[in-house]
Each structure stands twice: as structure tokens, then as C-alpha cells.
Amino acid sequence: MIDIPPIAELRGLDRPAAVKLLGQVERALEQLVEARGALHAMLLEPPPPPALLDVRETARRLNMSEEWVRTNGPALGIEVDLPVAGVHRYDATAVDELRQRRRADGKVRR
């Protein structure tokens, strides 16, 4: 950060001090503009797609059978339909959240 005096005091600066302060202000302004651009770009990026699991890994994480996962996945909100007909994957975040809920409810064998 730079210490910028009030406008009334700027008039009292001698030329070398004014040139030095102007350089500091310009550098700070460039940094602010860069930071603003980086933040805008970051906020405009689409969020990454969820990590997807296959039925085997999903079943392992939930300590259930693959058939149970296939049957219950849609109702549990963990299944992700892919554009290929009949191909399903499971949202890793949703699976882990379900696992935590089931553990809290005592429905998961350890």
C-alpha cells in the first residue's frame, strides 16, 4: 500500500516528491487493474464439472452392492446421466455427502 496524502497536501509537494509519488500511484494502479482483471476472469469461468465415479467405486464408498447403487442412485440424487445411452456415473461429492449422512444415521457398516 502507498500512503497518499490528501489533495490539499499534494499541492505542497515539490517536483521530485510529486514525480516519486506519481510513480508509486501508477504502479499501484497497474496492480489494481491486473487484480481486477484476474478476479473478473476467475468469476466468469464456469465451475468445473463434478468428479464422476463408476458404479464399482460408488458401491465401495457406500459399502453397498453395485445393483443397489444402480437401483437407488437416481432417487438418491447421486446419478449423473451421460450423453451415451445407458451410461451412468455418480457424482463423487454427492456420494460422499450421502455416505456421511448414512454414517451419521448409523446405516453404514464400518
PDB file of N, CA and C in Angstrom:
ATOM      1  N   MET A   1       0.843  -1.176   0.000  1.00  0.00           N
ATOM      2  CA  MET A   1       0.000   0.000   0.000  1.00  0.00           C
ATOM      3  C   MET A   1       0.888   1.238   0.000  1.00  0.00           C
ATOM      4  N   ILE A   2       0.383   2.251  -0.599  1.00  0.00           N
ATOM      5  CA  ILE A   2       1.092   3.523  -0.564  1.00  0.00           C
ATOM      6  C   ILE A   2       0.273   4.513   0.246  1.00  0.00           C
ATOM      7  N   ASP A   3       0.985   5.438   0.845  1.00  0.00           N
ATOM      8  CA  ASP A   3       0.323   6.458   1.658  1.00  0.00           C
ATOM      9  C   ASP A   3       0.139   7.697   0.795  1.00  0.00           C
ATOM     10  N   ILE A   4      -1.094   7.960   0.411  1.00  0.00           N
ATOM     11  CA  ILE A   4      -1.385   9.121  -0.436  1.00  0.00           C
ATOM     12  C   ILE A   4      -1.938  10.228   0.454  1.00  0.00           C
ATOM     13  N   PRO A   5      -1.254  11.378   0.455  1.00  0.00           N
ATOM     14  CA  PRO A   5      -1.747  12.485   1.278  1.00  0.00           C
ATOM     15  C   PRO A   5      -3.032  13.076   0.696  1.00  0.00           C
ATOM     16  N   PRO A   6      -3.785  13.800   1.499  1.00  0.00           N
ATOM     17  CA  PRO A   6      -4.991  14.468   0.991  1.00  0.00           C
ATOM     18  C   PRO A   6      -4.643  15.416  -0.164  1.00  0.00           C
ATOM     19  N   ILE A   7      -5.624  15.660  -1.015  1.00  0.00           N
ATOM     20  CA  ILE A   7      -5.421  16.501  -2.204  1.00  0.00           C
ATOM     21  C   ILE A   7      -4.825  17.855  -1.833  1.00  0.00           C
ATOM     22  N   ALA A   8      -5.294  18.454  -0.775  1.00  0.00           N
ATOM     23  CA  ALA A   8      -4.787  19.775  -0.370  1.00  0.00           C
ATOM     24  C   ALA A   8      -3.278  19.734  -0.103  1.00  0.00           C
ATOM     25  N   GLU A   9      -2.781  18.612   0.422  1.00  0.00           N
ATOM     26  CA  GLU A   9      -1.352  18.494   0.708  1.00  0.00           C
ATOM     27  C   GLU A   9      -0.534  18.195  -0.541  1.00  0.00           C
ATOM     28  N   LEU A  10      -1.166  17.606  -1.575  1.00  0.00           N
ATOM     29  CA  LEU A  10      -0.433  17.306  -2.805  1.00  0.00           C
ATOM     30  C   LEU A  10       0.118  18.579  -3.437  1.00  0.00           C
ATOM     31  N   ARG A  11      -0.630  19.657  -3.331  1.00  0.00           N
ATOM     32  CA  ARG A  11      -0.192  20.924  -3.921  1.00  0.00           C
ATOM     33  C   ARG A  11       1.100  21.425  -3.291  1.00  0.00           C
ATOM     34  N   GLY A  12       1.363  21.015  -2.058  1.00  0.00           N
ATOM     35  CA  GLY A  12       2.559  21.478  -1.367  1.00  0.00           C
ATOM     36  C   GLY A  12       3.794  20.642  -1.655  1.00  0.00           C
ATOM     37  N   LEU A  13       3.672  19.557  -2.424  1.00  0.00           N
ATOM     38  CA  LEU A  13       4.839  18.721  -2.724  1.00  0.00           C
ATOM     39  C   LEU A  13       5.762  19.417  -3.714  1.00  0.00           C
ATOM     40  N   ASP A  14       7.057  19.241  -3.522  1.00  0.00           N
ATOM     41  CA  ASP A  14       7.984  19.752  -4.538  1.00  0.00           C
ATOM     42  C   ASP A  14       7.986  18.781  -5.712  1.00  0.00           C
ATOM     43  N   ARG A  15       8.558  19.191  -6.818  1.00  0.00           N
ATOM     44  CA  ARG A  15       8.504  18.409  -8.056  1.00  0.00           C
ATOM     45  C   ARG A  15       9.074  17.001  -7.882  1.00  0.00           C
ATOM     46  N   PRO A  16      10.270  16.784  -7.313  1.00  0.00           N
ATOM     47  CA  PRO A  16      10.789  15.413  -7.173  1.00  0.00           C
ATOM     48  C   PRO A  16       9.866  14.521  -6.324  1.00  0.00           C
ATOM     49  N   ALA A  17       9.302  15.062  -5.255  1.00  0.00           N
ATOM     50  CA  ALA A  17       8.393  14.279  -4.417  1.00  0.00           C
ATOM     51  C   ALA A  17       7.125  13.938  -5.177  1.00  0.00           C
ATOM     52  N   ALA A  18       6.617  14.891  -5.979  1.00  0.00           N
ATOM     53  CA  ALA A  18       5.411  14.648  -6.772  1.00  0.00           C
ATOM     54  C   ALA A  18       5.655  13.573  -7.828  1.00  0.00           C
ATOM     55  N   VAL A  19       6.839  13.621  -8.487  1.00  0.00           N
ATOM     56  CA  VAL A  19       7.182  12.614  -9.501  1.00  0.00           C
ATOM     57  C   VAL A  19       7.281  11.230  -8.855  1.00  0.00           C
ATOM     58  N   LYS A  20       7.927  11.165  -7.685  1.00  0.00           N
ATOM     59  CA  LYS A  20       8.064   9.897  -6.978  1.00  0.00           C
ATOM     60  C   LYS A  20       6.700   9.339  -6.589  1.00  0.00           C
ATOM     61  N   LEU A  21       5.840  10.181  -6.037  1.00  0.00           N
ATOM     62  CA  LEU A  21       4.503   9.743  -5.627  1.00  0.00           C
ATOM     63  C   LEU A  21       3.673   9.313  -6.830  1.00  0.00           C
ATOM     64  N   LEU A  22       3.794  10.034  -7.934  1.00  0.00           N
ATOM     65  CA  LEU A  22       3.065   9.663  -9.146  1.00  0.00           C
ATOM     66  C   LEU A  22       3.487   8.276  -9.619  1.00  0.00           C
ATOM     67  N   GLY A  23       4.768   7.970  -9.570  1.00  0.00           N
ATOM     68  CA  GLY A  23       5.256   6.643  -9.958  1.00  0.00           C
ATOM     69  C   GLY A  23       4.662   5.556  -9.069  1.00  0.00           C
ATOM     70  N   GLN A  24       4.604   5.829  -7.766  1.00  0.00           N
ATOM     71  CA  GLN A  24       4.020   4.857  -6.837  1.00  0.00           C
ATOM     72  C   GLN A  24       2.537   4.642  -7.126  1.00  0.00           C
ATOM     73  N   VAL A  25       1.839   5.738  -7.397  1.00  0.00           N
ATOM     74  CA  VAL A  25       0.407   5.651  -7.708  1.00  0.00           C
ATOM     75  C   VAL A  25       0.191   4.862  -8.991  1.00  0.00           C
ATOM     76  N   GLU A  26       1.018   5.119 -10.011  1.00  0.00           N
ATOM     77  CA  GLU A  26       0.882   4.394 -11.284  1.00  0.00           C
ATOM     78  C   GLU A  26       1.109   2.899 -11.094  1.00  0.00           C
ATOM     79  N   ARG A  27       2.141   2.516 -10.335  1.00  0.00           N
ATOM     80  CA  ARG A  27       2.400   1.092 -10.089  1.00  0.00           C
ATOM     81  C   ARG A  27       1.245   0.447  -9.321  1.00  0.00           C
ATOM     82  N   ALA A  28       0.747   1.145  -8.321  1.00  0.00           N
ATOM     83  CA  ALA A  28      -0.385   0.614  -7.546  1.00  0.00           C
ATOM     84  C   ALA A  28      -1.613   0.459  -8.428  1.00  0.00           C
ATOM     85  N   LEU A  29      -1.837   1.437  -9.294  1.00  0.00           N
ATOM     86  CA  LEU A  29      -2.987   1.370 -10.200  1.00  0.00           C
ATOM     87  C   LEU A  29      -2.866   0.185 -11.157  1.00  0.00           C
ATOM     88  N   GLU A  30      -1.664  -0.051 -11.678  1.00  0.00           N
ATOM     89  CA  GLU A  30      -1.455  -1.198 -12.571  1.00  0.00           C
ATOM     90  C   GLU A  30      -1.750  -2.510 -11.838  1.00  0.00           C
ATOM     91  N   GLN A  31      -1.311  -2.611 -10.597  1.00  0.00           N
ATOM     92  CA  GLN A  31      -1.575  -3.819  -9.818  1.00  0.00           C
ATOM     93  C   GLN A  31      -3.070  -4.008  -9.568  1.00  0.00           C
ATOM     94  N   LEU A  32      -3.752  -2.908  -9.277  1.00  0.00           N
ATOM     95  CA  LEU A  32      -5.200  -2.994  -9.056  1.00  0.00           C
ATOM     96  C   LEU A  32      -5.936  -3.435 -10.320  1.00  0.00           C
ATOM     97  N   VAL A  33      -5.538  -2.868 -11.460  1.00  0.00           N
ATOM     98  CA  VAL A  33      -6.184  -3.234 -12.721  1.00  0.00           C
ATOM     99  C   VAL A  33      -5.935  -4.711 -13.032  1.00  0.00           C
ATOM    100  N   GLU A  34      -4.701  -5.185 -12.806  1.00  0.00           N
ATOM    101  CA  GLU A  34      -4.400  -6.609 -13.021  1.00  0.00           C
ATOM    102  C   GLU A  34      -5.234  -7.493 -12.108  1.00  0.00           C
ATOM    103  N   ALA A  35      -5.305  -7.117 -10.841  1.00  0.00           N
ATOM    104  CA  ALA A  35      -6.080  -7.913  -9.877  1.00  0.00           C
ATOM    105  C   ALA A  35      -7.549  -7.928 -10.262  1.00  0.00           C
ATOM    106  N   ARG A  36      -8.071  -6.777 -10.680  1.00  0.00           N
ATOM    107  CA  ARG A  36      -9.475  -6.709 -11.089  1.00  0.00           C
ATOM    108  C   ARG A  36      -9.731  -7.623 -12.278  1.00  0.00           C
ATOM    109  N   GLY A  37      -8.840  -7.595 -13.268  1.00  0.00           N
ATOM    110  CA  GLY A  37      -8.998  -8.456 -14.441  1.00  0.00           C
ATOM    111  C   GLY A  37      -8.944  -9.929 -14.084  1.00  0.00           C
ATOM    112  N   ALA A  38      -8.002 -10.279 -13.209  1.00  0.00           N
ATOM    113  CA  ALA A  38      -7.879 -11.681 -12.793  1.00  0.00           C
ATOM    114  C   ALA A  38      -9.126 -12.137 -12.048  1.00  0.00           C
ATOM    115  N   LEU A  39      -9.655 -11.294 -11.173  1.00  0.00           N
ATOM    116  CA  LEU A  39     -10.862 -11.652 -10.428  1.00  0.00           C
ATOM    117  C   LEU A  39     -12.070 -11.788 -11.344  1.00  0.00           C
ATOM    118  N   HIS A  40     -12.202 -10.857 -12.295  1.00  0.00           N
ATOM    119  CA  HIS A  40     -13.309 -10.959 -13.262  1.00  0.00           C
ATOM    120  C   HIS A  40     -13.211 -12.265 -14.036  1.00  0.00           C
ATOM    121  N   ALA A  41     -12.010 -12.587 -14.521  1.00  0.00           N
ATOM    122  CA  ALA A  41     -11.833 -13.818 -15.297  1.00  0.00           C
ATOM    123  C   ALA A  41     -12.169 -15.039 -14.454  1.00  0.00           C
ATOM    124  N   MET A  42     -11.711 -15.050 -13.206  1.00  0.00           N
ATOM    125  CA  MET A  42     -11.970 -16.184 -12.323  1.00  0.00           C
ATOM    126  C   MET A  42     -13.470 -16.348 -12.079  1.00  0.00           C
ATOM    127  N   LEU A  43     -14.170 -15.239 -11.858  1.00  0.00           N
ATOM    128  CA  LEU A  43     -15.600 -15.313 -11.546  1.00  0.00           C
ATOM    129  C   LEU A  43     -16.449 -15.658 -12.760  1.00  0.00           C
ATOM    130  N   LEU A  44     -15.935 -15.404 -13.951  1.00  0.00           N
ATOM    131  CA  LEU A  44     -16.695 -15.697 -15.163  1.00  0.00           C
ATOM    132  C   LEU A  44     -16.460 -17.110 -15.677  1.00  0.00           C
ATOM    133  N   GLU A  45     -15.442 -17.797 -15.148  1.00  0.00           N
ATOM    134  CA  GLU A  45     -15.185 -19.169 -15.582  1.00  0.00           C
ATOM    135  C   GLU A  45     -16.309 -20.072 -15.103  1.00  0.00           C
ATOM    136  N   PRO A  46     -16.734 -20.998 -15.958  1.00  0.00           N
ATOM    137  CA  PRO A  46     -17.758 -21.931 -15.491  1.00  0.00           C
ATOM    138  C   PRO A  46     -17.152 -22.841 -14.432  1.00  0.00           C
ATOM    139  N   PRO A  47     -17.946 -23.284 -13.486  1.00  0.00           N
ATOM    140  CA  PRO A  47     -17.406 -24.188 -12.466  1.00  0.00           C
ATOM    141  C   PRO A  47     -16.982 -25.507 -13.116  1.00  0.00           C
ATOM    142  N   PRO A  48     -15.989 -26.152 -12.552  1.00  0.00           N
ATOM    143  CA  PRO A  48     -15.566 -27.431 -13.135  1.00  0.00           C
ATOM    144  C   PRO A  48     -16.680 -28.462 -12.990  1.00  0.00           C
ATOM    145  N   PRO A  49     -16.742 -29.391 -13.919  1.00  0.00           N
ATOM    146  CA  PRO A  49     -17.770 -30.431 -13.805  1.00  0.00           C
ATOM    147  C   PRO A  49     -17.477 -31.296 -12.578  1.00  0.00           C
ATOM    148  N   PRO A  50     -18.509 -31.909 -12.031  1.00  0.00           N
ATOM    149  CA  PRO A  50     -18.280 -32.744 -10.845  1.00  0.00           C
ATOM    150  C   PRO A  50     -17.414 -33.953 -11.199  1.00  0.00           C
ATOM    151  N   ALA A  51     -16.624 -34.379 -10.235  1.00  0.00           N
ATOM    152  CA  ALA A  51     -15.861 -35.614 -10.412  1.00  0.00           C
ATOM    153  C   ALA A  51     -16.857 -36.767 -10.452  1.00  0.00           C
ATOM    154  N   LEU A  52     -16.657 -37.653 -11.395  1.00  0.00           N
ATOM    155  CA  LEU A  52     -17.608 -38.751 -11.570  1.00  0.00           C
ATOM    156  C   LEU A  52     -16.974 -40.083 -11.197  1.00  0.00           C
ATOM    157  N   LEU A  53     -17.782 -40.928 -10.592  1.00  0.00           N
ATOM    158  CA  LEU A  53     -17.349 -42.262 -10.182  1.00  0.00           C
ATOM    159  C   LEU A  53     -18.105 -43.301 -10.988  1.00  0.00           C
ATOM    160  N   ASP A  54     -17.482 -44.451 -11.190  1.00  0.00           N
ATOM    161  CA  ASP A  54     -18.216 -45.554 -11.807  1.00  0.00           C
ATOM    162  C   ASP A  54     -18.996 -46.294 -10.715  1.00  0.00           C
ATOM    163  N   VAL A  55     -19.809 -47.243 -11.128  1.00  0.00           N
ATOM    164  CA  VAL A  55     -20.686 -47.929 -10.174  1.00  0.00           C
ATOM    165  C   VAL A  55     -19.873 -48.726  -9.154  1.00  0.00           C
ATOM    166  N   ARG A  56     -18.757 -49.298  -9.578  1.00  0.00           N
ATOM    167  CA  ARG A  56     -17.946 -50.100  -8.650  1.00  0.00           C
ATOM    168  C   ARG A  56     -17.395 -49.237  -7.511  1.00  0.00           C
ATOM    169  N   GLU A  57     -16.817 -48.070  -7.856  1.00  0.00           N
ATOM    170  CA  GLU A  57     -16.251 -47.193  -6.826  1.00  0.00           C
ATOM    171  C   GLU A  57     -17.355 -46.621  -5.946  1.00  0.00           C
ATOM    172  N   THR A  58     -18.497 -46.292  -6.553  1.00  0.00           N
ATOM    173  CA  THR A  58     -19.619 -45.767  -5.779  1.00  0.00           C
ATOM    174  C   THR A  58     -20.089 -46.804  -4.763  1.00  0.00           C
ATOM    175  N   ALA A  59     -20.231 -48.045  -5.214  1.00  0.00           N
ATOM    176  CA  ALA A  59     -20.658 -49.125  -4.324  1.00  0.00           C
ATOM    177  C   ALA A  59     -19.648 -49.322  -3.193  1.00  0.00           C
ATOM    178  N   ARG A  60     -18.371 -49.242  -3.521  1.00  0.00           N
ATOM    179  CA  ARG A  60     -17.336 -49.404  -2.498  1.00  0.00           C
ATOM    180  C   ARG A  60     -17.434 -48.300  -1.453  1.00  0.00           C
ATOM    181  N   ARG A  61     -17.597 -47.047  -1.922  1.00  0.00           N
ATOM    182  CA  ARG A  61     -17.673 -45.926  -0.977  1.00  0.00           C
ATOM    183  C   ARG A  61     -18.899 -46.005  -0.078  1.00  0.00           C
ATOM    184  N   LEU A  62     -19.996 -46.521  -0.627  1.00  0.00           N
ATOM    185  CA  LEU A  62     -21.230 -46.600   0.156  1.00  0.00           C
ATOM    186  C   LEU A  62     -21.363 -47.926   0.899  1.00  0.00           C
ATOM    187  N   ASN A  63     -20.437 -48.843   0.640  1.00  0.00           N
ATOM    188  CA  ASN A  63     -20.479 -50.167   1.260  1.00  0.00           C
ATOM    189  C   ASN A  63     -21.791 -50.883   0.927  1.00  0.00           C
ATOM    190  N   MET A  64     -22.157 -50.773  -0.350  1.00  0.00           N
ATOM    191  CA  MET A  64     -23.380 -51.403  -0.846  1.00  0.00           C
ATOM    192  C   MET A  64     -23.024 -52.148  -2.127  1.00  0.00           C
ATOM    193  N   SER A  65     -23.976 -52.922  -2.652  1.00  0.00           N
ATOM    194  CA  SER A  65     -23.725 -53.655  -3.897  1.00  0.00           C
ATOM    195  C   SER A  65     -23.857 -52.716  -5.092  1.00  0.00           C
ATOM    196  N   GLU A  66     -23.269 -53.119  -6.189  1.00  0.00           N
ATOM    197  CA  GLU A  66     -23.395 -52.346  -7.429  1.00  0.00           C
ATOM    198  C   GLU A  66     -24.857 -52.286  -7.870  1.00  0.00           C
ATOM    199  N   GLU A  67     -25.582 -53.390  -7.708  1.00  0.00           N
ATOM    200  CA  GLU A  67     -27.001 -53.411  -8.086  1.00  0.00           C
ATOM    201  C   GLU A  67     -27.792 -52.416  -7.240  1.00  0.00           C
ATOM    202  N   TRP A  68     -27.494 -52.351  -5.938  1.00  0.00           N
ATOM    203  CA  TRP A  68     -28.170 -51.392  -5.059  1.00  0.00           C
ATOM    204  C   TRP A  68     -27.922 -49.967  -5.546  1.00  0.00           C
ATOM    205  N   VAL A  69     -26.682 -49.680  -5.945  1.00  0.00           N
ATOM    206  CA  VAL A  69     -26.345 -48.342  -6.440  1.00  0.00           C
ATOM    207  C   VAL A  69     -27.123 -48.046  -7.723  1.00  0.00           C
ATOM    208  N   ARG A  70     -27.151 -49.010  -8.634  1.00  0.00           N
ATOM    209  CA  ARG A  70     -27.874 -48.792  -9.901  1.00  0.00           C
ATOM    210  C   ARG A  70     -29.372 -48.550  -9.643  1.00  0.00           C
ATOM    211  N   THR A  71     -29.943 -49.296  -8.720  1.00  0.00           N
ATOM    212  CA  THR A  71     -31.369 -49.187  -8.423  1.00  0.00           C
ATOM    213  C   THR A  71     -31.701 -47.890  -7.696  1.00  0.00           C
ATOM    214  N   ASN A  72     -30.891 -47.512  -6.733  1.00  0.00           N
ATOM    215  CA  ASN A  72     -31.213 -46.382  -5.858  1.00  0.00           C
ATOM    216  C   ASN A  72     -30.535 -45.065  -6.220  1.00  0.00           C
ATOM    217  N   GLY A  73     -29.546 -45.123  -7.095  1.00  0.00           N
ATOM    218  CA  GLY A  73     -28.792 -43.918  -7.444  1.00  0.00           C
ATOM    219  C   GLY A  73     -29.641 -42.740  -7.903  1.00  0.00           C
ATOM    220  N   PRO A  74     -30.605 -42.966  -8.818  1.00  0.00           N
ATOM    221  CA  PRO A  74     -31.421 -41.823  -9.267  1.00  0.00           C
ATOM    222  C   PRO A  74     -32.223 -41.188  -8.131  1.00  0.00           C
ATOM    223  N   ALA A  75     -32.857 -42.006  -7.311  1.00  0.00           N
ATOM    224  CA  ALA A  75     -33.686 -41.477  -6.220  1.00  0.00           C
ATOM    225  C   ALA A  75     -32.845 -40.770  -5.159  1.00  0.00           C
ATOM    226  N   LEU A  76     -31.597 -41.195  -5.006  1.00  0.00           N
ATOM    227  CA  LEU A  76     -30.718 -40.591  -4.006  1.00  0.00           C
ATOM    228  C   LEU A  76     -30.049 -39.311  -4.509  1.00  0.00           C
ATOM    229  N   GLY A  77     -30.219 -39.028  -5.803  1.00  0.00           N
ATOM    230  CA  GLY A  77     -29.641 -37.803  -6.360  1.00  0.00           C
ATOM    231  C   GLY A  77     -28.142 -37.880  -6.583  1.00  0.00           C
ATOM    232  N   ILE A  78     -27.608 -39.081  -6.721  1.00  0.00           N
ATOM    233  CA  ILE A  78     -26.166 -39.213  -6.936  1.00  0.00           C
ATOM    234  C   ILE A  78     -25.832 -39.595  -8.381  1.00  0.00           C
ATOM    235  N   GLU A  79     -26.833 -40.026  -9.135  1.00  0.00           N
ATOM    236  CA  GLU A  79     -26.596 -40.490 -10.502  1.00  0.00           C
ATOM    237  C   GLU A  79     -26.523 -39.324 -11.478  1.00  0.00           C
ATOM    238  N   VAL A  80     -25.581 -39.414 -12.404  1.00  0.00           N
ATOM    239  CA  VAL A  80     -25.413 -38.412 -13.459  1.00  0.00           C
ATOM    240  C   VAL A  80     -25.601 -39.123 -14.789  1.00  0.00           C
ATOM    241  N   ASP A  81     -26.569 -38.679 -15.580  1.00  0.00           N
ATOM    242  CA  ASP A  81     -26.775 -39.271 -16.895  1.00  0.00           C
ATOM    243  C   ASP A  81     -25.755 -38.685 -17.856  1.00  0.00           C
ATOM    244  N   LEU A  82     -25.127 -39.552 -18.618  1.00  0.00           N
ATOM    245  CA  LEU A  82     -24.182 -39.118 -19.640  1.00  0.00           C
ATOM    246  C   LEU A  82     -24.876 -39.145 -20.993  1.00  0.00           C
ATOM    247  N   PRO A  83     -24.336 -38.413 -21.972  1.00  0.00           N
ATOM    248  CA  PRO A  83     -24.987 -38.363 -23.290  1.00  0.00           C
ATOM    249  C   PRO A  83     -25.072 -39.718 -23.992  1.00  0.00           C
ATOM    250  N   VAL A  84     -24.258 -40.672 -23.599  1.00  0.00           N
ATOM    251  CA  VAL A  84     -24.291 -42.003 -24.197  1.00  0.00           C
ATOM    252  C   VAL A  84     -25.427 -42.788 -23.545  1.00  0.00           C
ATOM    253  N   ALA A  85     -26.305 -43.306 -24.350  1.00  0.00           N
ATOM    254  CA  ALA A  85     -27.476 -44.006 -23.823  1.00  0.00           C
ATOM    255  C   ALA A  85     -27.081 -45.152 -22.902  1.00  0.00           C
ATOM    256  N   GLY A  86     -27.700 -45.165 -21.733  1.00  0.00           N
ATOM    257  CA  GLY A  86     -27.487 -46.251 -20.795  1.00  0.00           C
ATOM    258  C   GLY A  86     -26.233 -46.148 -19.948  1.00  0.00           C
ATOM    259  N   VAL A  87     -25.450 -45.098 -20.145  1.00  0.00           N
ATOM    260  CA  VAL A  87     -24.222 -44.943 -19.364  1.00  0.00           C
ATOM    261  C   VAL A  87     -24.485 -43.966 -18.229  1.00  0.00           C
ATOM    262  N   HIS A  88     -24.203 -44.410 -17.030  1.00  0.00           N
ATOM    263  CA  HIS A  88     -24.410 -43.575 -15.850  1.00  0.00           C
ATOM    264  C   HIS A  88     -23.125 -43.521 -15.047  1.00  0.00           C
ATOM    265  N   ARG A  89     -22.912 -42.391 -14.436  1.00  0.00           N
ATOM    266  CA  ARG A  89     -21.825 -42.223 -13.482  1.00  0.00           C
ATOM    267  C   ARG A  89     -22.438 -41.586 -12.245  1.00  0.00           C
ATOM    268  N   TYR A  90     -21.632 -41.456 -11.222  1.00  0.00           N
ATOM    269  CA  TYR A  90     -22.139 -40.985  -9.943  1.00  0.00           C
ATOM    270  C   TYR A  90     -21.277 -39.819  -9.459  1.00  0.00           C
ATOM    271  N   ASP A  91     -21.950 -38.777  -9.027  1.00  0.00           N
ATOM    272  CA  ASP A  91     -21.293 -37.547  -8.575  1.00  0.00           C
ATOM    273  C   ASP A  91     -20.535 -37.834  -7.276  1.00  0.00           C
ATOM    274  N   ALA A  92     -19.207 -37.678  -7.319  1.00  0.00           N
ATOM    275  CA  ALA A  92     -18.370 -38.021  -6.169  1.00  0.00           C
ATOM    276  C   ALA A  92     -18.729 -37.196  -4.934  1.00  0.00           C
ATOM    277  N   THR A  93     -19.018 -35.924  -5.122  1.00  0.00           N
ATOM    278  CA  THR A  93     -19.373 -35.079  -3.980  1.00  0.00           C
ATOM    279  C   THR A  93     -20.687 -35.531  -3.362  1.00  0.00           C
ATOM    280  N   ALA A  94     -21.678 -35.806  -4.206  1.00  0.00           N
ATOM    281  CA  ALA A  94     -22.982 -36.254  -3.702  1.00  0.00           C
ATOM    282  C   ALA A  94     -22.856 -37.621  -3.024  1.00  0.00           C
ATOM    283  N   VAL A  95     -22.013 -38.484  -3.569  1.00  0.00           N
ATOM    284  CA  VAL A  95     -21.808 -39.802  -2.961  1.00  0.00           C
ATOM    285  C   VAL A  95     -21.188 -39.651  -1.576  1.00  0.00           C
ATOM    286  N   ASP A  96     -20.179 -38.798  -1.474  1.00  0.00           N
ATOM    287  CA  ASP A  96     -19.524 -38.601  -0.174  1.00  0.00           C
ATOM    288  C   ASP A  96     -20.459 -37.947   0.845  1.00  0.00           C
ATOM    289  N   GLU A  97     -21.303 -37.029   0.383  1.00  0.00           N
ATOM    290  CA  GLU A  97     -22.288 -36.419   1.289  1.00  0.00           C
ATOM    291  C   GLU A  97     -23.305 -37.472   1.760  1.00  0.00           C
ATOM    292  N   LEU A  98     -23.756 -38.320   0.844  1.00  0.00           N
ATOM    293  CA  LEU A  98     -24.679 -39.396   1.208  1.00  0.00           C
ATOM    294  C   LEU A  98     -24.013 -40.337   2.203  1.00  0.00           C
ATOM    295  N   ARG A  99     -22.783 -40.664   1.953  1.00  0.00           N
ATOM    296  CA  ARG A  99     -22.039 -41.542   2.859  1.00  0.00           C
ATOM    297  C   ARG A  99     -21.974 -40.960   4.272  1.00  0.00           C
ATOM    298  N   GLN A 100     -21.709 -39.666   4.362  1.00  0.00           N
ATOM    299  CA  GLN A 100     -21.652 -39.005   5.670  1.00  0.00           C
ATOM    300  C   GLN A 100     -23.016 -39.029   6.362  1.00  0.00           C
ATOM    301  N   ARG A 101     -24.078 -38.752   5.589  1.00  0.00           N
ATOM    302  CA  ARG A 101     -25.428 -38.795   6.169  1.00  0.00           C
ATOM    303  C   ARG A 101     -25.756 -40.194   6.668  1.00  0.00           C
ATOM    304  N   ARG A 102     -25.437 -41.194   5.861  1.00  0.00           N
ATOM    305  CA  ARG A 102     -25.724 -42.578   6.244  1.00  0.00           C
ATOM    306  C   ARG A 102     -24.926 -42.961   7.477  1.00  0.00           C
ATOM    307  N   ARG A 103     -23.689 -42.512   7.538  1.00  0.00           N
ATOM    308  CA  ARG A 103     -22.856 -42.820   8.711  1.00  0.00           C
ATOM    309  C   ARG A 103     -23.447 -42.163   9.956  1.00  0.00           C
ATOM    310  N   ALA A 104     -23.895 -40.901   9.822  1.00  0.00           N
ATOM    311  CA  ALA A 104     -24.489 -40.183  10.952  1.00  0.00           C
ATOM    312  C   ALA A 104     -25.775 -40.861  11.413  1.00  0.00           C
ATOM    313  N   ASP A 105     -26.517 -41.454  10.459  1.00  0.00           N
ATOM    314  CA  ASP A 105     -27.774 -42.140  10.790  1.00  0.00           C
ATOM    315  C   ASP A 105     -27.544 -43.582  11.253  1.00  0.00           C
ATOM    316  N   GLY A 106     -26.302 -44.017  11.238  1.00  0.00           N
ATOM    317  CA  GLY A 106     -25.979 -45.382  11.649  1.00  0.00           C
ATOM    318  C   GLY A 106     -26.319 -46.428  10.616  1.00  0.00           C
ATOM    319  N   LYS A 107     -26.420 -46.045   9.339  1.00  0.00           N
ATOM    320  CA  LYS A 107     -26.797 -47.004   8.289  1.00  0.00           C
ATOM    321  C   LYS A 107     -25.608 -47.574   7.542  1.00  0.00           C
ATOM    322  N   VAL A 108     -24.397 -47.226   7.937  1.00  0.00           N
ATOM    323  CA  VAL A 108     -23.225 -47.716   7.230  1.00  0.00           C
ATOM    324  C   VAL A 108     -22.425 -48.623   8.143  1.00  0.00           C
ATOM    325  N   ARG A 109     -22.108 -49.794   7.615  1.00  0.00           N
ATOM    326  CA  ARG A 109     -21.245 -50.714   8.370  1.00  0.00           C
ATOM    327  C   ARG A 109     -19.813 -50.233   8.220  1.00  0.00           C
ATOM    328  N   ARG A 110     -19.081 -50.258   9.293  1.00  0.00           N
ATOM    329  CA  ARG A 110     -17.676 -49.790   9.244  1.00  0.00           C
ATOM    330  C   ARG A 110     -16.731 -50.942   9.070  1.00  0.00           C
TER     331      ARG A 110
END
